[in-house]
Amino acid sequence: MFLEVLGSALLGFALAWAAAHRLPDRLPVRVIVLVTGTLGGVFGALVTHGALGPGHFLATLIGAVAVAAVLLSLLVRPASRRLRRSAAM
C-alpha cells in the first residue's frame, strides 16, 4: 500500500508539472497546480485501492492518474483569446 501511495503521488506530481509547463497561462499559480496533482494522485490511489482491493498495483496507479487528471482539468481557465460579446446590443 505504501508503494502505491508513493507511486501515485509521484505520478500526480509529474502530471501536474507537465500541465504547468505546457499550459502556464491557463492555470493558476504553479504551487497550487503541483499540490492539486499530487493530492489528486494520492486520493485517486486510495479510492481505487478501496474499490478494487489489494493486489491491483497497476490498476491503482491508473486510477490515481485519472483522478489527478480530472482534478487538474478543473483548474484550467478558458483561453484569453476569446471575444466576449455583451448580451445587450
Protein backbone atom coordinates (compact mmCIF):
# COMPACT_ATOMS: atom_id res chain seq x y z
CA MET A 1 0.00 0.00 0.00
CA PHE A 2 2.85 2.40 0.79
CA LEU A 3 4.39 1.91 -2.65
CA GLU A 4 1.02 2.52 -4.30
CA VAL A 5 0.59 5.83 -2.48
CA LEU A 6 4.17 6.91 -3.12
CA GLY A 7 3.98 5.96 -6.79
CA SER A 8 0.64 7.67 -7.26
CA ALA A 9 1.92 10.84 -5.56
CA LEU A 10 4.92 10.88 -7.89
CA LEU A 11 2.75 10.27 -10.95
CA GLY A 12 0.32 13.00 -9.89
CA PHE A 13 3.21 15.39 -9.34
CA ALA A 14 4.69 14.55 -12.75
CA LEU A 15 1.32 15.07 -14.43
CA ALA A 16 0.87 18.40 -12.66
CA TRP A 17 4.38 19.51 -13.59
CA ALA A 18 3.74 18.63 -17.24
CA ALA A 19 0.44 20.53 -17.19
CA ALA A 20 2.01 23.56 -15.52
CA HIS A 21 4.85 23.50 -18.03
CA ARG A 22 2.54 23.06 -21.03
CA LEU A 23 -0.25 25.50 -20.03
CA PRO A 24 1.28 28.18 -17.81
CA ASP A 25 -1.08 30.93 -18.98
CA ARG A 26 -4.26 28.91 -18.43
CA LEU A 27 -3.51 27.55 -14.95
CA PRO A 28 -3.27 29.29 -11.58
CA VAL A 29 -0.05 29.59 -9.58
CA ARG A 30 2.34 26.68 -10.13
CA VAL A 31 2.36 25.68 -6.43
CA ILE A 32 -1.42 25.19 -6.46
CA VAL A 33 -1.19 23.06 -9.59
CA LEU A 34 1.58 20.86 -8.18
CA VAL A 35 -0.20 20.34 -4.86
CA THR A 36 -3.51 19.57 -6.60
CA GLY A 37 -1.88 16.99 -8.87
CA THR A 38 -0.05 15.30 -6.01
CA LEU A 39 -3.05 15.16 -3.70
CA GLY A 40 -5.28 14.10 -6.58
CA GLY A 41 -2.97 11.19 -7.27
CA VAL A 42 -2.97 10.11 -3.62
CA PHE A 43 -6.75 10.46 -3.34
CA GLY A 44 -7.22 8.53 -6.58
CA ALA A 45 -4.98 5.74 -5.32
CA LEU A 46 -6.91 5.47 -2.07
CA VAL A 47 -10.27 5.40 -3.84
CA THR A 48 -9.10 2.89 -6.44
CA HIS A 49 -7.43 0.69 -3.83
CA GLY A 50 -10.59 0.77 -1.74
CA ALA A 51 -12.74 -0.18 -4.73
CA LEU A 52 -10.51 -2.93 -6.15
CA GLY A 53 -8.78 -4.21 -3.04
CA PRO A 54 -5.15 -5.25 -2.63
CA GLY A 55 -3.18 -6.86 -5.43
CA HIS A 56 -4.07 -4.45 -8.23
CA PHE A 57 -0.98 -2.25 -8.30
CA LEU A 58 -1.15 -1.16 -11.95
CA ALA A 59 -4.91 -0.51 -11.86
CA THR A 60 -4.46 1.56 -8.72
CA LEU A 61 -1.83 3.72 -10.42
CA ILE A 62 -4.06 4.16 -13.47
CA GLY A 63 -6.94 5.23 -11.25
CA ALA A 64 -4.66 7.67 -9.42
CA VAL A 65 -3.53 9.29 -12.67
CA ALA A 66 -7.14 9.51 -13.87
CA VAL A 67 -8.31 11.28 -10.72
CA ALA A 68 -5.30 13.63 -10.77
CA ALA A 69 -6.03 14.50 -14.40
CA VAL A 70 -9.67 15.23 -13.62
CA LEU A 71 -8.76 17.49 -10.71
CA LEU A 72 -6.17 19.31 -12.80
CA SER A 73 -8.68 19.82 -15.58
CA LEU A 74 -10.91 21.67 -13.12
CA LEU A 75 -8.16 24.26 -12.66
CA VAL A 76 -7.86 25.12 -16.37
CA ARG A 77 -9.21 28.57 -17.27
CA PRO A 78 -10.55 29.48 -20.71
CA ALA A 79 -8.10 30.95 -23.19
CA SER A 80 -7.91 34.72 -23.11
CA ARG A 81 -8.15 34.95 -26.89
CA ARG A 82 -11.94 34.58 -26.94
CA LEU A 83 -14.03 37.56 -27.82
CA ARG A 84 -16.73 38.25 -25.30
CA ARG A 85 -19.92 39.78 -26.51
CA SER A 86 -22.38 41.62 -24.43
CA ALA A 87 -25.88 40.19 -24.13
CA ALA A 88 -27.38 43.66 -24.60
CA MET A 89 -26.50 45.09 -28.00
